[in-house]
Amino acid sequence: MQLETYISDLLYRYDCVVVPNFGAFITNRVSAVVNESTQTFYPPKKVLSFNEQLQGNDGLLINYYAEVEKIPYQVAQEKLSKIVKSIKSFLIAGETIQLKNVGEIQLNSDGKIVFEPSHKINYLTDAFGLSQYNYALIERQKEIIAENTIEKEPIPLVKPEKKKVPYIKYAAAAVLILALGGFAGVKLYNNSIEQHNLQALEEANKELDNKIQEATFVIENPLPAIHLELEKQSGNYHIVAGAFRVKANSQKKVDQLKNKGYKARIIGLNKYGLHEVVYSSYEDRLEALRALRTIRREHNADAWLLVKKLD
């Protein structure tokens, strides 16, 4: 069976892989753990679990199945549906299903699915190459080292005398006078340039204002006004076509339904975080039921009616 291979491949990249009409395999990240009693180090990993309540098709597994097998989406969906039916029949017969690198599945006495994950593989790519190992304790001995202290007399530092050069102060004064004179000249020159630039800018703005006042704007052939009428769907009765975890897949489903003539759209996320796609929405319940019967008969037998008030 190739199903476990596809599930295993997707678990490296996604935290949830839904098998339509069966359940979802979910991963949760767990930090590294050190067991001091057994002196064992366990690297970080993804803990795998199974949720039987998540059975809606989010398109992830079927799209990957179709891509790998190079078959159309509809064909992949039909093949996956047959595999799921076969697994359910084996479980009802009391057999245990072995999914390689995923885990074991069987039914308990209440008819509920019991999942035991495989511990041979770590789906956390950040921990690639890490494995559990046992370590030995290191005993450290304290060593006391006696140190002899030797007192040394401080060596006095003799500060050398600086020779006084009387002509240095006169040279510094001369440099200061020259610098002040040069600074005053540069400042006077910059002020003159700034005043000239301001005067030129005022004259240019005045000339521009005069030209704007004299100009006239005439459009000889104006474009006709365009009126768009958008049909906004309303109502609390929605015919659901499917729910998808990846939003791009939900938009793809909307485009497919619109090509078939339906007023499909995405109405938001459900309580499982899936993007819900509907054929259309209705204000009248009887009208919605009539449309549902037609859709089930002509297009999708799994379509269902959702009563929900949208914001």
C-alpha atoms as a PDB file:
ATOM      1  CA  MET A   1       0.000   0.000   0.000  1.00  0.00           C
ATOM      2  CA  GLN A   2       1.425   3.403  -1.024  1.00  0.00           C
ATOM      3  CA  LEU A   3      -0.854   5.395   1.289  1.00  0.00           C
ATOM      4  CA  GLU A   4       1.521   5.276   4.258  1.00  0.00           C
ATOM      5  CA  THR A   5       4.376   6.497   2.027  1.00  0.00           C
ATOM      6  CA  TYR A   6       2.418   9.598   1.006  1.00  0.00           C
ATOM      7  CA  ILE A   7       1.337  10.282   4.598  1.00  0.00           C
ATOM      8  CA  SER A   8       4.911   9.903   5.832  1.00  0.00           C
ATOM      9  CA  ASP A   9       6.269  12.253   3.156  1.00  0.00           C
ATOM     10  CA  LEU A  10       3.751  14.968   4.048  1.00  0.00           C
ATOM     11  CA  LEU A  11       4.323  14.692   7.818  1.00  0.00           C
ATOM     12  CA  TYR A  12       7.854  16.053   7.330  1.00  0.00           C
ATOM     13  CA  ARG A  13       6.419  19.292   5.916  1.00  0.00           C
ATOM     14  CA  TYR A  14       2.990  19.647   7.540  1.00  0.00           C
ATOM     15  CA  ASP A  15       1.648  19.319  11.088  1.00  0.00           C
ATOM     16  CA  CYS A  16      -1.635  17.723   9.971  1.00  0.00           C
ATOM     17  CA  VAL A  17      -2.394  15.253   7.158  1.00  0.00           C
ATOM     18  CA  VAL A  18      -6.087  14.448   6.671  1.00  0.00           C
ATOM     19  CA  VAL A  19      -7.196  11.178   5.087  1.00  0.00           C
ATOM     20  CA  PRO A  20     -10.684  12.049   3.748  1.00  0.00           C
ATOM     21  CA  ASN A  21     -13.533  10.079   5.358  1.00  0.00           C
ATOM     22  CA  PHE A  22     -11.093   8.394   7.749  1.00  0.00           C
ATOM     23  CA  GLY A  23      -9.225  10.775  10.074  1.00  0.00           C
ATOM     24  CA  ALA A  24      -6.193  13.015  10.508  1.00  0.00           C
ATOM     25  CA  PHE A  25      -2.600  12.322  11.556  1.00  0.00           C
ATOM     26  CA  ILE A  26      -1.377  15.238  13.691  1.00  0.00           C
ATOM     27  CA  THR A  27       2.140  16.052  14.917  1.00  0.00           C
ATOM     28  CA  ASN A  28       3.071  18.073  18.011  1.00  0.00           C
ATOM     29  CA  ARG A  29       6.603  19.269  18.706  1.00  0.00           C
ATOM     30  CA  VAL A  30       8.263  18.067  21.918  1.00  0.00           C
ATOM     31  CA  SER A  31      11.487  19.536  23.302  1.00  0.00           C
ATOM     32  CA  ALA A  32      14.604  17.511  24.081  1.00  0.00           C
ATOM     33  CA  VAL A  33      14.444  15.479  27.306  1.00  0.00           C
ATOM     34  CA  VAL A  34      17.143  14.142  29.629  1.00  0.00           C
ATOM     35  CA  ASN A  35      16.192  11.143  31.770  1.00  0.00           C
ATOM     36  CA  GLU A  36      18.561  11.315  34.722  1.00  0.00           C
ATOM     37  CA  SER A  37      17.507   7.946  36.159  1.00  0.00           C
ATOM     38  CA  THR A  38      18.424   6.042  32.982  1.00  0.00           C
ATOM     39  CA  GLN A  39      21.113   8.575  31.946  1.00  0.00           C
ATOM     40  CA  THR A  40      19.536   8.882  28.489  1.00  0.00           C
ATOM     41  CA  PHE A  41      19.247  11.919  26.214  1.00  0.00           C
ATOM     42  CA  TYR A  42      16.223  12.137  23.891  1.00  0.00           C
ATOM     43  CA  PRO A  43      16.441  14.735  21.059  1.00  0.00           C
ATOM     44  CA  PRO A  44      13.494  17.038  20.165  1.00  0.00           C
ATOM     45  CA  LYS A  45      10.892  15.380  17.988  1.00  0.00           C
ATOM     46  CA  LYS A  46       7.355  15.442  16.619  1.00  0.00           C
ATOM     47  CA  VAL A  47       4.897  13.264  18.543  1.00  0.00           C
ATOM     48  CA  LEU A  48       2.352  11.681  16.211  1.00  0.00           C
ATOM     49  CA  SER A  49      -1.344  11.255  17.122  1.00  0.00           C
ATOM     50  CA  PHE A  50      -4.602  10.458  15.313  1.00  0.00           C
ATOM     51  CA  ASN A  51      -7.918  12.373  15.354  1.00  0.00           C
ATOM     52  CA  GLU A  52     -10.893  10.473  13.988  1.00  0.00           C
ATOM     53  CA  GLN A  53     -13.085  13.611  14.016  1.00  0.00           C
ATOM     54  CA  LEU A  54     -11.119  15.401  11.270  1.00  0.00           C
ATOM     55  CA  GLN A  55     -12.352  13.715   8.084  1.00  0.00           C
ATOM     56  CA  GLY A  56     -12.996  16.681   5.767  1.00  0.00           C
ATOM     57  CA  ASN A  57     -11.025  16.748   2.536  1.00  0.00           C
ATOM     58  CA  ASP A  58      -8.521  19.634   2.608  1.00  0.00           C
ATOM     59  CA  GLY A  59      -7.016  18.587  -0.729  1.00  0.00           C
ATOM     60  CA  LEU A  60      -3.482  18.143   0.635  1.00  0.00           C
ATOM     61  CA  LEU A  61      -3.185  14.348   0.461  1.00  0.00           C
ATOM     62  CA  ILE A  62      -5.135  13.943  -2.793  1.00  0.00           C
ATOM     63  CA  ASN A  63      -3.140  16.669  -4.556  1.00  0.00           C
ATOM     64  CA  TYR A  64       0.125  15.040  -3.489  1.00  0.00           C
ATOM     65  CA  TYR A  65      -1.207  11.601  -4.525  1.00  0.00           C
ATOM     66  CA  ALA A  66      -2.168  12.946  -7.969  1.00  0.00           C
ATOM     67  CA  GLU A  67       1.165  14.724  -8.385  1.00  0.00           C
ATOM     68  CA  VAL A  68       3.294  11.676  -7.532  1.00  0.00           C
ATOM     69  CA  GLU A  69       1.199   9.207  -9.524  1.00  0.00           C
ATOM     70  CA  LYS A  70       0.798  11.750 -12.390  1.00  0.00           C
ATOM     71  CA  ILE A  71      -2.947  11.185 -12.562  1.00  0.00           C
ATOM     72  CA  PRO A  72      -5.907  13.625 -12.560  1.00  0.00           C
ATOM     73  CA  TYR A  73      -7.191  14.900  -9.221  1.00  0.00           C
ATOM     74  CA  GLN A  74     -10.561  13.155  -9.631  1.00  0.00           C
ATOM     75  CA  VAL A  75      -8.902   9.792 -10.351  1.00  0.00           C
ATOM     76  CA  ALA A  76      -6.658  10.159  -7.305  1.00  0.00           C
ATOM     77  CA  GLN A  77      -9.704  10.974  -5.166  1.00  0.00           C
ATOM     78  CA  GLU A  78     -11.529   7.850  -6.327  1.00  0.00           C
ATOM     79  CA  LYS A  79      -8.495   5.613  -5.727  1.00  0.00           C
ATOM     80  CA  LEU A  80      -7.963   7.030  -2.246  1.00  0.00           C
ATOM     81  CA  SER A  81     -11.651   6.489  -1.447  1.00  0.00           C
ATOM     82  CA  LYS A  82     -11.316   2.793  -2.382  1.00  0.00           C
ATOM     83  CA  ILE A  83      -8.229   2.424  -0.179  1.00  0.00           C
ATOM     84  CA  VAL A  84     -10.067   3.971   2.787  1.00  0.00           C
ATOM     85  CA  LYS A  85     -13.035   1.632   2.313  1.00  0.00           C
ATOM     86  CA  SER A  86     -10.663  -1.344   2.199  1.00  0.00           C
ATOM     87  CA  ILE A  87      -8.933  -0.238   5.440  1.00  0.00           C
ATOM     88  CA  LYS A  88     -12.282   0.157   7.208  1.00  0.00           C
ATOM     89  CA  SER A  89     -13.371  -3.330   6.148  1.00  0.00           C
ATOM     90  CA  PHE A  90     -10.145  -4.848   7.528  1.00  0.00           C
ATOM     91  CA  LEU A  91     -10.576  -2.971  10.806  1.00  0.00           C
ATOM     92  CA  ILE A  92     -14.177  -4.160  11.170  1.00  0.00           C
ATOM     93  CA  ALA A  93     -12.929  -7.706  10.608  1.00  0.00           C
ATOM     94  CA  GLY A  94     -10.702  -7.278  13.670  1.00  0.00           C
ATOM     95  CA  GLU A  95      -7.382  -6.922  11.868  1.00  0.00           C
ATOM     96  CA  THR A  96      -4.586  -4.492  12.779  1.00  0.00           C
ATOM     97  CA  ILE A  97      -3.450  -2.187   9.989  1.00  0.00           C
ATOM     98  CA  GLN A  98       0.296  -1.582   9.798  1.00  0.00           C
ATOM     99  CA  LEU A  99       1.240   1.783   8.277  1.00  0.00           C
ATOM    100  CA  LYS A 100       5.011   1.762   7.761  1.00  0.00           C
ATOM    101  CA  ASN A 101       6.810   4.666   9.512  1.00  0.00           C
ATOM    102  CA  VAL A 102       3.419   5.922  10.747  1.00  0.00           C
ATOM    103  CA  GLY A 103       2.002   3.386  13.225  1.00  0.00           C
ATOM    104  CA  GLU A 104      -0.609   0.710  13.915  1.00  0.00           C
ATOM    105  CA  ILE A 105      -4.388   1.161  13.712  1.00  0.00           C
ATOM    106  CA  GLN A 106      -7.080  -1.087  15.140  1.00  0.00           C
ATOM    107  CA  LEU A 107     -10.606  -0.904  16.585  1.00  0.00           C
ATOM    108  CA  ASN A 108     -11.339  -1.192  20.300  1.00  0.00           C
ATOM    109  CA  SER A 109     -14.375  -2.867  21.857  1.00  0.00           C
ATOM    110  CA  ASP A 110     -16.414   0.333  21.395  1.00  0.00           C
ATOM    111  CA  GLY A 111     -15.691   0.467  17.667  1.00  0.00           C
ATOM    112  CA  LYS A 112     -13.356   3.454  18.021  1.00  0.00           C
ATOM    113  CA  ILE A 113     -10.010   3.693  16.227  1.00  0.00           C
ATOM    114  CA  VAL A 114      -6.964   3.152  18.448  1.00  0.00           C
ATOM    115  CA  PHE A 115      -3.660   4.444  17.056  1.00  0.00           C
ATOM    116  CA  GLU A 116      -0.181   3.474  18.246  1.00  0.00           C
ATOM    117  CA  PRO A 117       2.467   5.722  16.599  1.00  0.00           C
ATOM    118  CA  SER A 118       5.760   4.396  15.286  1.00  0.00           C
ATOM    119  CA  HIS A 119       8.829   5.372  17.316  1.00  0.00           C
ATOM    120  CA  LYS A 120      11.340   4.479  14.601  1.00  0.00           C
ATOM    121  CA  ILE A 121      11.216   7.812  12.783  1.00  0.00           C
ATOM    122  CA  ASN A 122      11.398  11.478  13.817  1.00  0.00           C
ATOM    123  CA  TYR A 123       9.438  13.851  11.573  1.00  0.00           C
ATOM    124  CA  LEU A 124      11.125  16.958  13.035  1.00  0.00           C
ATOM    125  CA  THR A 125      13.554  18.087  10.320  1.00  0.00           C
ATOM    126  CA  ASP A 126      15.361  20.392  12.769  1.00  0.00           C
ATOM    127  CA  ALA A 127      16.551  17.299  14.662  1.00  0.00           C
ATOM    128  CA  PHE A 128      17.863  15.499  11.573  1.00  0.00           C
ATOM    129  CA  GLY A 129      20.852  13.304  12.459  1.00  0.00           C
ATOM    130  CA  LEU A 130      20.161  13.363  16.205  1.00  0.00           C
ATOM    131  CA  SER A 131      19.334  10.165  18.063  1.00  0.00           C
ATOM    132  CA  GLN A 132      18.944   9.120  21.654  1.00  0.00           C
ATOM    133  CA  TYR A 133      22.061   8.037  23.520  1.00  0.00           C
ATOM    134  CA  ASN A 134      23.183   7.059  27.003  1.00  0.00           C
ATOM    135  CA  TYR A 135      25.794   9.066  28.825  1.00  0.00           C
ATOM    136  CA  ALA A 136      28.092   8.304  31.762  1.00  0.00           C
ATOM    137  CA  LEU A 137      28.291  10.471  34.847  1.00  0.00           C
ATOM    138  CA  ILE A 138      31.551  12.357  35.341  1.00  0.00           C
ATOM    139  CA  GLU A 139      32.897  12.452  38.885  1.00  0.00           C
ATOM    140  CA  ARG A 140      34.891  15.536  39.638  1.00  0.00           C
ATOM    141  CA  GLN A 141      37.471  15.692  42.473  1.00  0.00           C
ATOM    142  CA  LYS A 142      38.232  18.945  44.167  1.00  0.00           C
ATOM    143  CA  GLU A 143      41.916  19.752  44.368  1.00  0.00           C
ATOM    144  CA  ILE A 144      43.210  22.213  46.910  1.00  0.00           C
ATOM    145  CA  ILE A 145      46.333  23.997  45.763  1.00  0.00           C
ATOM    146  CA  ALA A 146      48.290  26.002  48.302  1.00  0.00           C
ATOM    147  CA  GLU A 147      49.763  29.136  46.899  1.00  0.00           C
ATOM    148  CA  ASN A 148      52.659  31.013  48.435  1.00  0.00           C
ATOM    149  CA  THR A 149      52.255  34.726  48.513  1.00  0.00           C
ATOM    150  CA  ILE A 150      55.394  36.803  48.085  1.00  0.00           C
ATOM    151  CA  GLU A 151      55.295  40.385  49.140  1.00  0.00           C
ATOM    152  CA  LYS A 152      57.174  42.672  46.853  1.00  0.00           C
ATOM    153  CA  GLU A 153      58.062  46.233  47.517  1.00  0.00           C
ATOM    154  CA  PRO A 154      56.460  48.596  45.003  1.00  0.00           C
ATOM    155  CA  ILE A 155      58.870  50.207  42.565  1.00  0.00           C
ATOM    156  CA  PRO A 156      58.395  53.972  42.541  1.00  0.00           C
ATOM    157  CA  LEU A 157      57.727  55.491  39.162  1.00  0.00           C
ATOM    158  CA  VAL A 158      59.693  58.604  38.394  1.00  0.00           C
ATOM    159  CA  LYS A 159      57.801  61.017  36.173  1.00  0.00           C
ATOM    160  CA  PRO A 160      60.168  62.603  33.638  1.00  0.00           C
ATOM    161  CA  GLU A 161      60.284  66.359  33.551  1.00  0.00           C
ATOM    162  CA  LYS A 162      59.009  68.036  30.405  1.00  0.00           C
ATOM    163  CA  LYS A 163      61.213  70.624  28.791  1.00  0.00           C
ATOM    164  CA  LYS A 164      59.503  73.923  28.427  1.00  0.00           C
ATOM    165  CA  VAL A 165      59.553  75.360  24.927  1.00  0.00           C
ATOM    166  CA  PRO A 166      58.477  79.028  25.153  1.00  0.00           C
ATOM    167  CA  TYR A 167      57.982  79.564  21.414  1.00  0.00           C
ATOM    168  CA  ILE A 168      55.203  76.896  21.136  1.00  0.00           C
ATOM    169  CA  LYS A 169      52.530  79.023  22.815  1.00  0.00           C
ATOM    170  CA  TYR A 170      53.182  81.870  20.371  1.00  0.00           C
ATOM    171  CA  ALA A 171      52.817  79.563  17.367  1.00  0.00           C
ATOM    172  CA  ALA A 172      49.511  78.198  18.725  1.00  0.00           C
ATOM    173  CA  ALA A 173      48.159  81.732  19.177  1.00  0.00           C
ATOM    174  CA  ALA A 174      49.059  82.588  15.581  1.00  0.00           C
ATOM    175  CA  VAL A 175      47.278  79.500  14.229  1.00  0.00           C
ATOM    176  CA  LEU A 176      44.151  80.350  16.252  1.00  0.00           C
ATOM    177  CA  ILE A 177      44.020  83.903  14.860  1.00  0.00           C
ATOM    178  CA  LEU A 178      44.337  82.655  11.269  1.00  0.00           C
ATOM    179  CA  ALA A 179      41.612  80.031  11.785  1.00  0.00           C
ATOM    180  CA  LEU A 180      39.157  82.598  13.188  1.00  0.00           C
ATOM    181  CA  GLY A 181      39.785  84.944  10.299  1.00  0.00           C
ATOM    182  CA  GLY A 182      39.267  82.200   7.706  1.00  0.00           C
ATOM    183  CA  PHE A 183      36.061  81.002   9.379  1.00  0.00           C
ATOM    184  CA  ALA A 184      34.586  84.526   9.352  1.00  0.00           C
ATOM    185  CA  GLY A 185      35.343  84.869   5.634  1.00  0.00           C
ATOM    186  CA  VAL A 186      33.797  81.527   4.731  1.00  0.00           C
ATOM    187  CA  LYS A 187      30.658  82.322   6.753  1.00  0.00           C
ATOM    188  CA  LEU A 188      30.225  85.671   5.015  1.00  0.00           C
ATOM    189  CA  TYR A 189      30.600  83.991   1.601  1.00  0.00           C
ATOM    190  CA  ASN A 190      28.035  81.254   2.429  1.00  0.00           C
ATOM    191  CA  ASN A 191      25.490  83.831   3.657  1.00  0.00           C
ATOM    192  CA  SER A 192      25.804  85.710   0.374  1.00  0.00           C
ATOM    193  CA  ILE A 193      25.170  82.550  -1.689  1.00  0.00           C
ATOM    194  CA  GLU A 194      22.176  81.527   0.444  1.00  0.00           C
ATOM    195  CA  GLN A 195      20.540  84.969   0.070  1.00  0.00           C
ATOM    196  CA  HIS A 196      21.010  84.814  -3.719  1.00  0.00           C
ATOM    197  CA  ASN A 197      19.427  81.327  -3.926  1.00  0.00           C
ATOM    198  CA  LEU A 198      16.382  82.387  -1.877  1.00  0.00           C
ATOM    199  CA  GLN A 199      15.777  85.382  -4.139  1.00  0.00           C
ATOM    200  CA  ALA A 200      15.980  83.196  -7.283  1.00  0.00           C
ATOM    201  CA  LEU A 201      13.573  80.622  -5.776  1.00  0.00           C
ATOM    202  CA  GLU A 202      10.966  83.306  -4.953  1.00  0.00           C
ATOM    203  CA  GLU A 203      11.097  84.655  -8.516  1.00  0.00           C
ATOM    204  CA  ALA A 204      10.660  81.151 -10.007  1.00  0.00           C
ATOM    205  CA  ASN A 205       7.636  80.388  -7.751  1.00  0.00           C
ATOM    206  CA  LYS A 206       6.043  83.723  -8.680  1.00  0.00           C
ATOM    207  CA  GLU A 207       6.429  83.012 -12.421  1.00  0.00           C
ATOM    208  CA  LEU A 208       4.976  79.492 -11.990  1.00  0.00           C
ATOM    209  CA  ASP A 209       1.895  80.865 -10.165  1.00  0.00           C
ATOM    210  CA  ASN A 210       1.242  83.310 -13.008  1.00  0.00           C
ATOM    211  CA  LYS A 211       1.373  80.522 -15.616  1.00  0.00           C
ATOM    212  CA  ILE A 212      -1.008  78.304 -13.615  1.00  0.00           C
ATOM    213  CA  GLN A 213      -3.544  81.138 -13.317  1.00  0.00           C
ATOM    214  CA  GLU A 214      -3.452  81.777 -17.087  1.00  0.00           C
ATOM    215  CA  ALA A 215      -3.779  78.077 -18.049  1.00  0.00           C
ATOM    216  CA  THR A 216      -7.123  76.459 -18.902  1.00  0.00           C
ATOM    217  CA  PHE A 217      -7.821  72.720 -18.892  1.00  0.00           C
ATOM    218  CA  VAL A 218     -10.353  71.399 -21.412  1.00  0.00           C
ATOM    219  CA  ILE A 219     -11.055  67.669 -21.999  1.00  0.00           C
ATOM    220  CA  GLU A 220     -12.705  67.381 -25.420  1.00  0.00           C
ATOM    221  CA  ASN A 221     -13.534  63.635 -25.316  1.00  0.00           C
ATOM    222  CA  PRO A 222     -14.194  62.579 -21.709  1.00  0.00           C
ATOM    223  CA  LEU A 223     -14.403  58.841 -21.031  1.00  0.00           C
ATOM    224  CA  PRO A 224     -17.886  57.508 -20.252  1.00  0.00           C
ATOM    225  CA  ALA A 225     -18.626  56.613 -16.643  1.00  0.00           C
ATOM    226  CA  ILE A 226     -18.469  52.907 -15.819  1.00  0.00           C
ATOM    227  CA  HIS A 227     -21.121  51.429 -13.531  1.00  0.00           C
ATOM    228  CA  LEU A 228     -20.334  48.052 -11.993  1.00  0.00           C
ATOM    229  CA  GLU A 229     -23.094  45.972 -10.504  1.00  0.00           C
ATOM    230  CA  LEU A 230     -21.724  43.264  -8.209  1.00  0.00           C
ATOM    231  CA  GLU A 231     -24.061  40.554  -7.054  1.00  0.00           C
ATOM    232  CA  LYS A 232     -23.620  40.008  -3.323  1.00  0.00           C
ATOM    233  CA  GLN A 233     -24.796  36.693  -1.956  1.00  0.00           C
ATOM    234  CA  SER A 234     -26.696  36.680   1.312  1.00  0.00           C
ATOM    235  CA  GLY A 235     -28.583  34.243   3.455  1.00  0.00           C
ATOM    236  CA  ASN A 236     -27.908  31.811   6.274  1.00  0.00           C
ATOM    237  CA  TYR A 237     -28.358  28.579   4.274  1.00  0.00           C
ATOM    238  CA  HIS A 238     -25.186  27.417   2.511  1.00  0.00           C
ATOM    239  CA  ILE A 239     -24.607  24.309   0.374  1.00  0.00           C
ATOM    240  CA  VAL A 240     -21.110  23.088   1.301  1.00  0.00           C
ATOM    241  CA  ALA A 241     -18.868  21.633  -1.409  1.00  0.00           C
ATOM    242  CA  GLY A 242     -15.857  20.905   0.795  1.00  0.00           C
ATOM    243  CA  ALA A 243     -13.379  22.217   3.363  1.00  0.00           C
ATOM    244  CA  PHE A 244      -9.662  22.682   2.720  1.00  0.00           C
ATOM    245  CA  ARG A 245      -6.699  23.313   4.983  1.00  0.00           C
ATOM    246  CA  VAL A 246      -4.716  25.036   2.208  1.00  0.00           C
ATOM    247  CA  LYS A 247      -6.446  28.221   1.033  1.00  0.00           C
ATOM    248  CA  ALA A 248      -5.030  27.879  -2.494  1.00  0.00           C
ATOM    249  CA  ASN A 249      -6.841  24.532  -2.844  1.00  0.00           C
ATOM    250  CA  SER A 250     -10.112  26.092  -1.697  1.00  0.00           C
ATOM    251  CA  GLN A 251      -9.746  28.867  -4.295  1.00  0.00           C
ATOM    252  CA  LYS A 252      -9.035  26.225  -6.944  1.00  0.00           C
ATOM    253  CA  LYS A 253     -12.284  24.465  -5.983  1.00  0.00           C
ATOM    254  CA  VAL A 254     -14.187  27.774  -6.234  1.00  0.00           C
ATOM    255  CA  ASP A 255     -12.848  28.353  -9.757  1.00  0.00           C
ATOM    256  CA  GLN A 256     -13.848  24.816 -10.805  1.00  0.00           C
ATOM    257  CA  LEU A 257     -17.404  25.285  -9.518  1.00  0.00           C
ATOM    258  CA  LYS A 258     -17.751  28.723 -11.132  1.00  0.00           C
ATOM    259  CA  ASN A 259     -16.740  27.204 -14.462  1.00  0.00           C
ATOM    260  CA  LYS A 260     -19.645  24.793 -14.039  1.00  0.00           C
ATOM    261  CA  GLY A 261     -22.064  27.688 -13.472  1.00  0.00           C
ATOM    262  CA  TYR A 262     -22.310  27.690  -9.665  1.00  0.00           C
ATOM    263  CA  LYS A 263     -22.066  30.860  -7.550  1.00  0.00           C
ATOM    264  CA  ALA A 264     -19.290  29.354  -5.481  1.00  0.00           C
ATOM    265  CA  ARG A 265     -17.292  31.235  -2.870  1.00  0.00           C
ATOM    266  CA  ILE A 266     -15.258  30.818   0.333  1.00  0.00           C
ATOM    267  CA  ILE A 267     -17.282  31.651   3.452  1.00  0.00           C
ATOM    268  CA  GLY A 268     -14.393  31.548   5.943  1.00  0.00           C
ATOM    269  CA  LEU A 269     -12.864  29.091   8.418  1.00  0.00           C
ATOM    270  CA  ASN A 270     -14.787  26.423  10.310  1.00  0.00           C
ATOM    271  CA  LYS A 271     -14.059  25.342  13.883  1.00  0.00           C
ATOM    272  CA  TYR A 272     -11.306  22.998  12.654  1.00  0.00           C
ATOM    273  CA  GLY A 273      -9.451  25.807  10.882  1.00  0.00           C
ATOM    274  CA  LEU A 274     -10.472  24.638   7.372  1.00  0.00           C
ATOM    275  CA  HIS A 275     -11.543  26.965   4.537  1.00  0.00           C
ATOM    276  CA  GLU A 276     -15.165  26.140   3.654  1.00  0.00           C
ATOM    277  CA  VAL A 277     -16.267  26.331   0.013  1.00  0.00           C
ATOM    278  CA  VAL A 278     -19.990  26.559  -0.822  1.00  0.00           C
ATOM    279  CA  TYR A 279     -21.894  26.158  -4.063  1.00  0.00           C
ATOM    280  CA  SER A 280     -24.113  29.116  -3.152  1.00  0.00           C
ATOM    281  CA  SER A 281     -26.012  30.744  -0.271  1.00  0.00           C
ATOM    282  CA  TYR A 282     -29.763  31.170   0.135  1.00  0.00           C
ATOM    283  CA  GLU A 283     -32.124  33.206   2.301  1.00  0.00           C
ATOM    284  CA  ASP A 284     -35.020  30.755   1.915  1.00  0.00           C
ATOM    285  CA  ARG A 285     -34.613  27.292   3.481  1.00  0.00           C
ATOM    286  CA  LEU A 286     -36.913  25.490   1.011  1.00  0.00           C
ATOM    287  CA  GLU A 287     -35.069  27.004  -1.934  1.00  0.00           C
ATOM    288  CA  ALA A 288     -31.748  25.855  -0.438  1.00  0.00           C
ATOM    289  CA  LEU A 289     -33.075  22.295   0.030  1.00  0.00           C
ATOM    290  CA  ARG A 290     -34.289  22.130  -3.572  1.00  0.00           C
ATOM    291  CA  ALA A 291     -30.884  23.283  -4.801  1.00  0.00           C
ATOM    292  CA  LEU A 292     -29.162  20.743  -2.532  1.00  0.00           C
ATOM    293  CA  ARG A 293     -31.192  17.867  -3.973  1.00  0.00           C
ATOM    294  CA  THR A 294     -30.264  18.959  -7.503  1.00  0.00           C
ATOM    295  CA  ILE A 295     -26.539  19.243  -6.667  1.00  0.00           C
ATOM    296  CA  ARG A 296     -26.493  15.830  -4.983  1.00  0.00           C
ATOM    297  CA  ARG A 297     -28.213  14.271  -7.976  1.00  0.00           C
ATOM    298  CA  GLU A 298     -26.178  15.963 -10.718  1.00  0.00           C
ATOM    299  CA  HIS A 299     -22.758  16.825  -9.254  1.00  0.00           C
ATOM    300  CA  ASN A 300     -21.787  15.825  -5.692  1.00  0.00           C
ATOM    301  CA  ALA A 301     -23.543  13.246  -3.580  1.00  0.00           C
ATOM    302  CA  ASP A 302     -21.559  14.354  -0.494  1.00  0.00           C
ATOM    303  CA  ALA A 303     -22.768  17.986  -0.554  1.00  0.00           C
ATOM    304  CA  TRP A 304     -24.594  19.084   2.611  1.00  0.00           C
ATOM    305  CA  LEU A 305     -26.512  22.064   3.978  1.00  0.00           C
ATOM    306  CA  LEU A 306     -24.898  24.376   6.523  1.00  0.00           C
ATOM    307  CA  VAL A 307     -27.025  26.788   8.526  1.00  0.00           C
ATOM    308  CA  LYS A 308     -24.744  29.610   9.628  1.00  0.00           C
ATOM    309  CA  LYS A 309     -25.048  33.368  10.010  1.00  0.00           C
ATOM    310  CA  LEU A 310     -22.071  35.074   8.407  1.00  0.00           C
ATOM    311  CA  ASP A 311     -20.570  38.282   9.736  1.00  0.00           C
END
